């Protein structure tokens, strides 16, 4: 499969990520590229929350319709699926409840 061209990160998103270690920012940007490569028609929604900078991805542009998110924290990055418990996981690779 040919890799799709992913648009550069939103400057506001990068500004929010400046508060984090460069390794965290690098991981967020790489994870973002993966999400957008697999879901190129999704809309990216950026949030600067109290304890994290988060990006949700939705096909409608509405937050409540987000299917995946990337959250940056001081000590790591989470890739989460809003309805992850409904995903088939025959090898038990997903964690969480």
PDB file of N, CA and C in Angstrom:
ATOM      1  N   UNK A   1       0.844  -1.164   0.000  1.00  0.00           N
ATOM      2  CA  UNK A   1       0.000   0.000   0.000  1.00  0.00           C
ATOM      3  C   UNK A   1       0.898   1.239   0.000  1.00  0.00           C
ATOM      4  N   UNK A   2       0.588   2.170  -0.855  1.00  0.00           N
ATOM      5  CA  UNK A   2       1.358   3.404  -0.965  1.00  0.00           C
ATOM      6  C   UNK A   2       0.992   4.354   0.174  1.00  0.00           C
ATOM      7  N   UNK A   3       2.019   4.906   0.819  1.00  0.00           N
ATOM      8  CA  UNK A   3       1.783   5.856   1.918  1.00  0.00           C
ATOM      9  C   UNK A   3       1.120   7.122   1.372  1.00  0.00           C
ATOM     10  N   UNK A   4       0.149   7.625   2.105  1.00  0.00           N
ATOM     11  CA  UNK A   4      -0.540   8.860   1.716  1.00  0.00           C
ATOM     12  C   UNK A   4       0.184  10.056   2.303  1.00  0.00           C
ATOM     13  N   UNK A   5       0.067  11.162   1.621  1.00  0.00           N
ATOM     14  CA  UNK A   5       0.674  12.408   2.099  1.00  0.00           C
ATOM     15  C   UNK A   5      -0.182  12.954   3.231  1.00  0.00           C
ATOM     16  N   UNK A   6       0.435  13.142   4.365  1.00  0.00           N
ATOM     17  CA  UNK A   6      -0.258  13.647   5.553  1.00  0.00           C
ATOM     18  C   UNK A   6       0.036  15.137   5.682  1.00  0.00           C
ATOM     19  N   UNK A   7      -0.993  15.947   5.904  1.00  0.00           N
ATOM     20  CA  UNK A   7      -0.751  17.385   6.063  1.00  0.00           C
ATOM     21  C   UNK A   7       0.093  17.657   7.315  1.00  0.00           C
ATOM     22  N   UNK A   8       0.845  18.742   7.315  1.00  0.00           N
ATOM     23  CA  UNK A   8       1.657  19.053   8.499  1.00  0.00           C
ATOM     24  C   UNK A   8       0.758  19.348   9.702  1.00  0.00           C
ATOM     25  N   UNK A   9       1.310  19.171  10.894  1.00  0.00           N
ATOM     26  CA  UNK A   9       0.531  19.462  12.108  1.00  0.00           C
ATOM     27  C   UNK A   9       0.082  20.920  12.150  1.00  0.00           C
ATOM     28  N   UNK A  10      -1.059  21.123  12.755  1.00  0.00           N
ATOM     29  CA  UNK A  10      -1.603  22.451  12.979  1.00  0.00           C
ATOM     30  C   UNK A  10      -0.611  23.235  13.851  1.00  0.00           C
ATOM     31  N   UNK A  11      -0.238  24.453  13.471  1.00  0.00           N
ATOM     32  CA  UNK A  11       0.702  25.244  14.279  1.00  0.00           C
ATOM     33  C   UNK A  11       0.243  25.417  15.728  1.00  0.00           C
ATOM     34  N   UNK A  12      -1.059  25.541  15.949  1.00  0.00           N
ATOM     35  CA  UNK A  12      -1.573  25.676  17.315  1.00  0.00           C
ATOM     36  C   UNK A  12      -1.299  24.405  18.120  1.00  0.00           C
ATOM     37  N   UNK A  13      -1.442  23.247  17.488  1.00  0.00           N
ATOM     38  CA  UNK A  13      -1.156  21.973  18.147  1.00  0.00           C
ATOM     39  C   UNK A  13       0.317  21.923  18.552  1.00  0.00           C
ATOM     40  N   UNK A  14       1.194  22.301  17.628  1.00  0.00           N
ATOM     41  CA  UNK A  14       2.628  22.307  17.935  1.00  0.00           C
ATOM     42  C   UNK A  14       2.959  23.290  19.049  1.00  0.00           C
ATOM     43  N   UNK A  15       2.268  24.417  19.075  1.00  0.00           N
ATOM     44  CA  UNK A  15       2.489  25.408  20.141  1.00  0.00           C
ATOM     45  C   UNK A  15       2.116  24.810  21.497  1.00  0.00           C
ATOM     46  N   UNK A  16       0.985  24.121  21.574  1.00  0.00           N
ATOM     47  CA  UNK A  16       0.571  23.470  22.820  1.00  0.00           C
ATOM     48  C   UNK A  16       1.599  22.425  23.255  1.00  0.00           C
ATOM     49  N   UNK A  17       2.189  21.723  22.279  1.00  0.00           N
ATOM     50  CA  UNK A  17       3.132  20.647  22.589  1.00  0.00           C
ATOM     51  C   UNK A  17       4.506  21.154  23.010  1.00  0.00           C
ATOM     52  N   UNK A  18       4.778  22.450  22.846  1.00  0.00           N
ATOM     53  CA  UNK A  18       6.076  23.003  23.238  1.00  0.00           C
ATOM     54  C   UNK A  18       6.357  22.819  24.726  1.00  0.00           C
ATOM     55  N   UNK A  19       5.324  22.663  25.522  1.00  0.00           N
ATOM     56  CA  UNK A  19       5.509  22.493  26.964  1.00  0.00           C
ATOM     57  C   UNK A  19       6.058  21.101  27.314  1.00  0.00           C
ATOM     58  N   UNK A  20       6.070  20.194  26.346  1.00  0.00           N
ATOM     59  CA  UNK A  20       6.487  18.808  26.591  1.00  0.00           C
ATOM     60  C   UNK A  20       7.905  18.570  26.103  1.00  0.00           C
ATOM     61  N   UNK A  21       8.484  17.499  26.601  1.00  0.00           N
ATOM     62  CA  UNK A  21       9.793  17.046  26.150  1.00  0.00           C
ATOM     63  C   UNK A  21       9.726  16.808  24.635  1.00  0.00           C
ATOM     64  N   UNK A  22      10.793  17.124  23.905  1.00  0.00           N
ATOM     65  CA  UNK A  22      10.772  16.899  22.452  1.00  0.00           C
ATOM     66  C   UNK A  22      10.445  15.451  22.042  1.00  0.00           C
ATOM     67  N   UNK A  23      10.826  14.485  22.861  1.00  0.00           N
ATOM     68  CA  UNK A  23      10.524  13.082  22.543  1.00  0.00           C
ATOM     69  C   UNK A  23       9.011  12.831  22.565  1.00  0.00           C
ATOM     70  N   UNK A  24       8.302  13.500  23.478  1.00  0.00           N
ATOM     71  CA  UNK A  24       6.841  13.375  23.542  1.00  0.00           C
ATOM     72  C   UNK A  24       6.226  13.980  22.290  1.00  0.00           C
ATOM     73  N   UNK A  25       6.694  15.158  21.914  1.00  0.00           N
ATOM     74  CA  UNK A  25       6.183  15.819  20.713  1.00  0.00           C
ATOM     75  C   UNK A  25       6.431  14.962  19.477  1.00  0.00           C
ATOM     76  N   UNK A  26       7.607  14.389  19.382  1.00  0.00           N
ATOM     77  CA  UNK A  26       7.950  13.533  18.241  1.00  0.00           C
ATOM     78  C   UNK A  26       7.012  12.323  18.163  1.00  0.00           C
ATOM     79  N   UNK A  27       6.716  11.737  19.309  1.00  0.00           N
ATOM     80  CA  UNK A  27       5.815  10.583  19.334  1.00  0.00           C
ATOM     81  C   UNK A  27       4.393  10.985  18.958  1.00  0.00           C
ATOM     82  N   UNK A  28       3.936  12.137  19.432  1.00  0.00           N
ATOM     83  CA  UNK A  28       2.602  12.630  19.070  1.00  0.00           C
ATOM     84  C   UNK A  28       2.516  12.845  17.564  1.00  0.00           C
ATOM     85  N   UNK A  29       3.515  13.500  16.990  1.00  0.00           N
ATOM     86  CA  UNK A  29       3.506  13.803  15.555  1.00  0.00           C
ATOM     87  C   UNK A  29       3.546  12.513  14.728  1.00  0.00           C
ATOM     88  N   UNK A  30       4.331  11.533  15.156  1.00  0.00           N
ATOM     89  CA  UNK A  30       4.402  10.253  14.439  1.00  0.00           C
ATOM     90  C   UNK A  30       3.077   9.489  14.548  1.00  0.00           C
ATOM     91  N   UNK A  31       2.466   9.500  15.730  1.00  0.00           N
ATOM     92  CA  UNK A  31       1.183   8.812  15.916  1.00  0.00           C
ATOM     93  C   UNK A  31       0.103   9.505  15.105  1.00  0.00           C
ATOM     94  N   UNK A  32       0.127  10.817  15.088  1.00  0.00           N
ATOM     95  CA  UNK A  32      -0.812  11.605  14.278  1.00  0.00           C
ATOM     96  C   UNK A  32      -0.708  11.216  12.810  1.00  0.00           C
ATOM     97  N   UNK A  33       0.522  11.102  12.305  1.00  0.00           N
ATOM     98  CA  UNK A  33       0.735  10.731  10.905  1.00  0.00           C
ATOM     99  C   UNK A  33       0.132   9.360  10.615  1.00  0.00           C
ATOM    100  N   UNK A  34       0.293   8.426  11.528  1.00  0.00           N
ATOM    101  CA  UNK A  34      -0.281   7.089  11.353  1.00  0.00           C
ATOM    102  C   UNK A  34      -1.806   7.152  11.292  1.00  0.00           C
ATOM    103  N   UNK A  35      -2.407   7.873  12.230  1.00  0.00           N
ATOM    104  CA  UNK A  35      -3.871   8.000  12.250  1.00  0.00           C
ATOM    105  C   UNK A  35      -4.365   8.620  10.947  1.00  0.00           C
ATOM    106  N   UNK A  36      -3.733   9.699  10.518  1.00  0.00           N
ATOM    107  CA  UNK A  36      -4.196  10.388   9.309  1.00  0.00           C
ATOM    108  C   UNK A  36      -3.892   9.613   8.032  1.00  0.00           C
ATOM    109  N   UNK A  37      -2.874   8.782   8.073  1.00  0.00           N
ATOM    110  CA  UNK A  37      -2.599   7.924   6.918  1.00  0.00           C
ATOM    111  C   UNK A  37      -3.691   6.860   6.777  1.00  0.00           C
ATOM    112  N   UNK A  38      -4.150   6.343   7.911  1.00  0.00           N
ATOM    113  CA  UNK A  38      -5.180   5.304   7.897  1.00  0.00           C
ATOM    114  C   UNK A  38      -6.594   5.874   7.769  1.00  0.00           C
ATOM    115  N   UNK A  39      -6.789   7.116   8.207  1.00  0.00           N
ATOM    116  CA  UNK A  39      -8.112   7.758   8.153  1.00  0.00           C
ATOM    117  C   UNK A  39      -7.956   9.163   7.569  1.00  0.00           C
ATOM    118  N   UNK A  40      -7.570   9.262   6.292  1.00  0.00           N
ATOM    119  CA  UNK A  40      -7.257  10.566   5.706  1.00  0.00           C
ATOM    120  C   UNK A  40      -8.440  11.525   5.621  1.00  0.00           C
ATOM    121  N   UNK A  41      -9.654  11.009   5.669  1.00  0.00           N
ATOM    122  CA  UNK A  41     -10.828  11.880   5.584  1.00  0.00           C
ATOM    123  C   UNK A  41     -11.327  12.345   6.945  1.00  0.00           C
ATOM    124  N   UNK A  42     -10.607  11.978   7.993  1.00  0.00           N
ATOM    125  CA  UNK A  42     -11.036  12.382   9.330  1.00  0.00           C
ATOM    126  C   UNK A  42     -10.676  13.842   9.598  1.00  0.00           C
ATOM    127  N   UNK A  43     -11.409  14.430  10.523  1.00  0.00           N
ATOM    128  CA  UNK A  43     -11.200  15.816  10.935  1.00  0.00           C
ATOM    129  C   UNK A  43     -10.453  15.785  12.266  1.00  0.00           C
ATOM    130  N   UNK A  44      -9.395  16.562  12.356  1.00  0.00           N
ATOM    131  CA  UNK A  44      -8.574  16.615  13.564  1.00  0.00           C
ATOM    132  C   UNK A  44      -9.087  17.723  14.478  1.00  0.00           C
ATOM    133  N   UNK A  45      -9.354  17.373  15.730  1.00  0.00           N
ATOM    134  CA  UNK A  45      -9.872  18.315  16.726  1.00  0.00           C
ATOM    135  C   UNK A  45      -8.846  18.417  17.851  1.00  0.00           C
ATOM    136  N   UNK A  46      -8.281  19.597  18.065  1.00  0.00           N
ATOM    137  CA  UNK A  46      -7.198  19.804  19.034  1.00  0.00           C
ATOM    138  C   UNK A  46      -7.746  20.423  20.316  1.00  0.00           C
ATOM    139  N   UNK A  47      -7.278  19.898  21.460  1.00  0.00           N
ATOM    140  CA  UNK A  47      -7.703  20.401  22.759  1.00  0.00           C
ATOM    141  C   UNK A  47      -6.489  20.557  23.671  1.00  0.00           C
ATOM    142  N   UNK A  48      -6.388  21.693  24.324  1.00  0.00           N
ATOM    143  CA  UNK A  48      -5.371  21.912  25.348  1.00  0.00           C
ATOM    144  C   UNK A  48      -6.094  21.815  26.684  1.00  0.00           C
ATOM    145  N   UNK A  49      -6.019  20.646  27.286  1.00  0.00           N
ATOM    146  CA  UNK A  49      -6.725  20.393  28.538  1.00  0.00           C
ATOM    147  C   UNK A  49      -5.795  20.669  29.727  1.00  0.00           C
ATOM    148  N   UNK A  50      -6.335  20.539  30.919  1.00  0.00           N
ATOM    149  CA  UNK A  50      -5.585  20.830  32.142  1.00  0.00           C
ATOM    150  C   UNK A  50      -4.324  19.978  32.267  1.00  0.00           C
ATOM    151  N   UNK A  51      -4.438  18.665  32.055  1.00  0.00           N
ATOM    152  CA  UNK A  51      -3.298  17.776  32.272  1.00  0.00           C
ATOM    153  C   UNK A  51      -2.751  17.146  31.002  1.00  0.00           C
ATOM    154  N   UNK A  52      -3.299  17.510  29.844  1.00  0.00           N
ATOM    155  CA  UNK A  52      -2.852  16.893  28.596  1.00  0.00           C
ATOM    156  C   UNK A  52      -3.210  17.774  27.403  1.00  0.00           C
ATOM    157  N   UNK A  53      -2.490  17.546  26.318  1.00  0.00           N
ATOM    158  CA  UNK A  53      -2.868  18.102  25.019  1.00  0.00           C
ATOM    159  C   UNK A  53      -3.389  16.922  24.223  1.00  0.00           C
ATOM    160  N   UNK A  54      -4.588  17.071  23.691  1.00  0.00           N
ATOM    161  CA  UNK A  54      -5.246  15.944  23.045  1.00  0.00           C
ATOM    162  C   UNK A  54      -5.709  16.310  21.642  1.00  0.00           C
ATOM    163  N   UNK A  55      -5.708  15.325  20.776  1.00  0.00           N
ATOM    164  CA  UNK A  55      -6.260  15.463  19.428  1.00  0.00           C
ATOM    165  C   UNK A  55      -7.230  14.317  19.221  1.00  0.00           C
ATOM    166  N   UNK A  56      -8.464  14.661  18.886  1.00  0.00           N
ATOM    167  CA  UNK A  56      -9.462  13.652  18.572  1.00  0.00           C
ATOM    168  C   UNK A  56      -9.689  13.634  17.071  1.00  0.00           C
ATOM    169  N   UNK A  57     -10.127  12.505  16.549  1.00  0.00           N
ATOM    170  CA  UNK A  57     -10.342  12.361  15.113  1.00  0.00           C
ATOM    171  C   UNK A  57     -11.754  11.851  14.869  1.00  0.00           C
ATOM    172  N   UNK A  58     -12.462  12.575  14.008  1.00  0.00           N
ATOM    173  CA  UNK A  58     -13.875  12.331  13.740  1.00  0.00           C
ATOM    174  C   UNK A  58     -14.117  12.478  12.240  1.00  0.00           C
ATOM    175  N   UNK A  59     -15.085  11.766  11.712  1.00  0.00           N
ATOM    176  CA  UNK A  59     -15.429  11.939  10.301  1.00  0.00           C
ATOM    177  C   UNK A  59     -16.488  13.015  10.105  1.00  0.00           C
ATOM    178  N   UNK A  60     -17.061  13.516  11.192  1.00  0.00           N
ATOM    179  CA  UNK A  60     -18.098  14.539  11.080  1.00  0.00           C
ATOM    180  C   UNK A  60     -17.613  15.917  11.519  1.00  0.00           C
ATOM    181  N   UNK A  61     -16.487  15.958  12.239  1.00  0.00           N
ATOM    182  CA  UNK A  61     -16.012  17.221  12.791  1.00  0.00           C
ATOM    183  C   UNK A  61     -16.580  17.508  14.167  1.00  0.00           C
ATOM    184  N   UNK A  62     -17.461  16.626  14.641  1.00  0.00           N
ATOM    185  CA  UNK A  62     -18.039  16.783  15.980  1.00  0.00           C
ATOM    186  C   UNK A  62     -17.245  15.935  16.977  1.00  0.00           C
ATOM    187  N   UNK A  63     -16.938  16.538  18.105  1.00  0.00           N
ATOM    188  CA  UNK A  63     -16.167  15.842  19.137  1.00  0.00           C
ATOM    189  C   UNK A  63     -16.826  14.531  19.547  1.00  0.00           C
ATOM    190  N   UNK A  64     -18.131  14.544  19.701  1.00  0.00           N
ATOM    191  CA  UNK A  64     -18.830  13.344  20.177  1.00  0.00           C
ATOM    192  C   UNK A  64     -18.735  12.179  19.192  1.00  0.00           C
ATOM    193  N   UNK A  65     -18.353  12.469  17.952  1.00  0.00           N
ATOM    194  CA  UNK A  65     -18.215  11.424  16.948  1.00  0.00           C
ATOM    195  C   UNK A  65     -16.778  10.936  16.787  1.00  0.00           C
ATOM    196  N   UNK A  66     -15.883  11.407  17.646  1.00  0.00           N
ATOM    197  CA  UNK A  66     -14.481  10.976  17.559  1.00  0.00           C
ATOM    198  C   UNK A  66     -14.383   9.472  17.776  1.00  0.00           C
ATOM    199  N   UNK A  67     -13.528   8.837  16.999  1.00  0.00           N
ATOM    200  CA  UNK A  67     -13.338   7.395  17.122  1.00  0.00           C
ATOM    201  C   UNK A  67     -11.980   7.032  17.711  1.00  0.00           C
ATOM    202  N   UNK A  68     -11.037   7.959  17.658  1.00  0.00           N
ATOM    203  CA  UNK A  68      -9.703   7.721  18.198  1.00  0.00           C
ATOM    204  C   UNK A  68      -9.154   9.056  18.716  1.00  0.00           C
ATOM    205  N   UNK A  69      -8.248   8.975  19.682  1.00  0.00           N
ATOM    206  CA  UNK A  69      -7.613  10.193  20.192  1.00  0.00           C
ATOM    207  C   UNK A  69      -6.161   9.923  20.517  1.00  0.00           C
ATOM    208  N   UNK A  70      -5.389  10.997  20.515  1.00  0.00           N
ATOM    209  CA  UNK A  70      -3.983  10.962  20.921  1.00  0.00           C
ATOM    210  C   UNK A  70      -3.852  11.993  22.031  1.00  0.00           C
ATOM    211  N   UNK A  71      -3.387  11.566  23.192  1.00  0.00           N
ATOM    212  CA  UNK A  71      -3.228  12.476  24.325  1.00  0.00           C
ATOM    213  C   UNK A  71      -1.766  12.503  24.759  1.00  0.00           C
ATOM    214  N   UNK A  72      -1.215  13.707  24.856  1.00  0.00           N
ATOM    215  CA  UNK A  72       0.163  13.892  25.306  1.00  0.00           C
ATOM    216  C   UNK A  72       0.158  14.265  26.779  1.00  0.00           C
ATOM    217  N   UNK A  73       0.945  13.555  27.548  1.00  0.00           N
ATOM    218  CA  UNK A  73       1.140  13.825  28.969  1.00  0.00           C
ATOM    219  C   UNK A  73       2.626  14.050  29.210  1.00  0.00           C
ATOM    220  N   UNK A  74       2.982  14.551  30.352  1.00  0.00           N
ATOM    221  CA  UNK A  74       4.386  14.820  30.663  1.00  0.00           C
ATOM    222  C   UNK A  74       5.259  13.570  30.552  1.00  0.00           C
ATOM    223  N   UNK A  75       4.695  12.402  30.855  1.00  0.00           N
ATOM    224  CA  UNK A  75       5.500  11.178  30.874  1.00  0.00           C
ATOM    225  C   UNK A  75       5.129  10.169  29.796  1.00  0.00           C
ATOM    226  N   UNK A  76       4.307  10.554  28.834  1.00  0.00           N
ATOM    227  CA  UNK A  76       3.970   9.598  27.791  1.00  0.00           C
ATOM    228  C   UNK A  76       2.848  10.075  26.896  1.00  0.00           C
ATOM    229  N   UNK A  77       2.498   9.215  25.962  1.00  0.00           N
ATOM    230  CA  UNK A  77       1.457   9.499  24.978  1.00  0.00           C
ATOM    231  C   UNK A  77       0.488   8.327  24.954  1.00  0.00           C
ATOM    232  N   UNK A  78      -0.795   8.635  24.950  1.00  0.00           N
ATOM    233  CA  UNK A  78      -1.827   7.600  24.854  1.00  0.00           C
ATOM    234  C   UNK A  78      -2.483   7.665  23.480  1.00  0.00           C
ATOM    235  N   UNK A  79      -2.683   6.508  22.885  1.00  0.00           N
ATOM    236  CA  UNK A  79      -3.517   6.363  21.699  1.00  0.00           C
ATOM    237  C   UNK A  79      -4.728   5.596  22.177  1.00  0.00           C
ATOM    238  N   UNK A  80      -5.885   6.217  22.102  1.00  0.00           N
ATOM    239  CA  UNK A  80      -7.084   5.584  22.637  1.00  0.00           C
ATOM    240  C   UNK A  80      -8.196   5.498  21.611  1.00  0.00           C
ATOM    241  N   UNK A  81      -9.026   4.497  21.773  1.00  0.00           N
ATOM    242  CA  UNK A  81     -10.174   4.283  20.902  1.00  0.00           C
ATOM    243  C   UNK A  81     -11.429   4.443  21.740  1.00  0.00           C
ATOM    244  N   UNK A  82     -12.280   5.403  21.373  1.00  0.00           N
ATOM    245  CA  UNK A  82     -13.471   5.687  22.168  1.00  0.00           C
ATOM    246  C   UNK A  82     -14.340   4.454  22.365  1.00  0.00           C
ATOM    247  N   UNK A  83     -14.410   3.612  21.383  1.00  0.00           N
ATOM    248  CA  UNK A  83     -15.242   2.404  21.488  1.00  0.00           C
ATOM    249  C   UNK A  83     -14.366   1.162  21.385  1.00  0.00           C
ATOM    250  N   UNK A  84     -13.198   1.247  21.989  1.00  0.00           N
ATOM    251  CA  UNK A  84     -12.221   0.171  21.913  1.00  0.00           C
ATOM    252  C   UNK A  84     -12.713  -1.163  22.447  1.00  0.00           C
ATOM    253  N   UNK A  85     -13.583  -1.117  23.449  1.00  0.00           N
ATOM    254  CA  UNK A  85     -14.085  -2.377  24.006  1.00  0.00           C
ATOM    255  C   UNK A  85     -14.984  -3.106  23.016  1.00  0.00           C
ATOM    256  N   UNK A  86     -15.419  -2.418  21.973  1.00  0.00           N
ATOM    257  CA  UNK A  86     -16.266  -3.046  20.952  1.00  0.00           C
ATOM    258  C   UNK A  86     -15.450  -3.606  19.784  1.00  0.00           C
ATOM    259  N   UNK A  87     -14.141  -3.319  19.758  1.00  0.00           N
ATOM    260  CA  UNK A  87     -13.284  -3.799  18.671  1.00  0.00           C
ATOM    261  C   UNK A  87     -12.941  -5.268  18.858  1.00  0.00           C
ATOM    262  N   UNK A  88     -12.915  -6.040  17.765  1.00  0.00           N
ATOM    263  CA  UNK A  88     -12.452  -7.422  17.885  1.00  0.00           C
ATOM    264  C   UNK A  88     -10.969  -7.409  18.260  1.00  0.00           C
ATOM    265  N   UNK A  89     -10.580  -8.201  19.212  1.00  0.00           N
ATOM    266  CA  UNK A  89      -9.187  -8.262  19.673  1.00  0.00           C
ATOM    267  C   UNK A  89      -8.832  -9.719  19.991  1.00  0.00           C
ATOM    268  N   UNK A  90      -8.802 -10.580  18.963  1.00  0.00           N
ATOM    269  CA  UNK A  90      -8.595 -12.011  19.206  1.00  0.00           C
ATOM    270  C   UNK A  90      -7.263 -12.357  19.859  1.00  0.00           C
ATOM    271  N   UNK A  91      -6.265 -11.497  19.732  1.00  0.00           N
ATOM    272  CA  UNK A  91      -4.952 -11.751  20.343  1.00  0.00           C
ATOM    273  C   UNK A  91      -4.767 -11.005  21.649  1.00  0.00           C
ATOM    274  N   UNK A  92      -5.826 -10.333  22.131  1.00  0.00           N
ATOM    275  CA  UNK A  92      -5.799  -9.593  23.404  1.00  0.00           C
ATOM    276  C   UNK A  92      -4.647  -8.578  23.443  1.00  0.00           C
ATOM    277  N   UNK A  93      -4.509  -7.807  22.379  1.00  0.00           N
ATOM    278  CA  UNK A  93      -3.450  -6.795  22.308  1.00  0.00           C
ATOM    279  C   UNK A  93      -3.849  -5.470  22.926  1.00  0.00           C
ATOM    280  N   UNK A  94      -5.162  -5.188  22.965  1.00  0.00           N
ATOM    281  CA  UNK A  94      -5.626  -3.920  23.499  1.00  0.00           C
ATOM    282  C   UNK A  94      -5.716  -3.984  25.012  1.00  0.00           C
ATOM    283  N   UNK A  95      -5.416  -2.862  25.661  1.00  0.00           N
ATOM    284  CA  UNK A  95      -5.509  -2.771  27.115  1.00  0.00           C
ATOM    285  C   UNK A  95      -6.577  -1.764  27.478  1.00  0.00           C
ATOM    286  N   UNK A  96      -7.147  -1.908  28.655  1.00  0.00           N
ATOM    287  CA  UNK A  96      -8.119  -0.953  29.140  1.00  0.00           C
ATOM    288  C   UNK A  96      -9.510  -1.557  29.249  1.00  0.00           C
ATOM    289  N   UNK A  97     -10.410  -0.724  29.758  1.00  0.00           N
ATOM    290  CA  UNK A  97     -11.781  -1.208  29.951  1.00  0.00           C
ATOM    291  C   UNK A  97     -12.762  -0.248  29.326  1.00  0.00           C
TER     292      UNK A  97
END
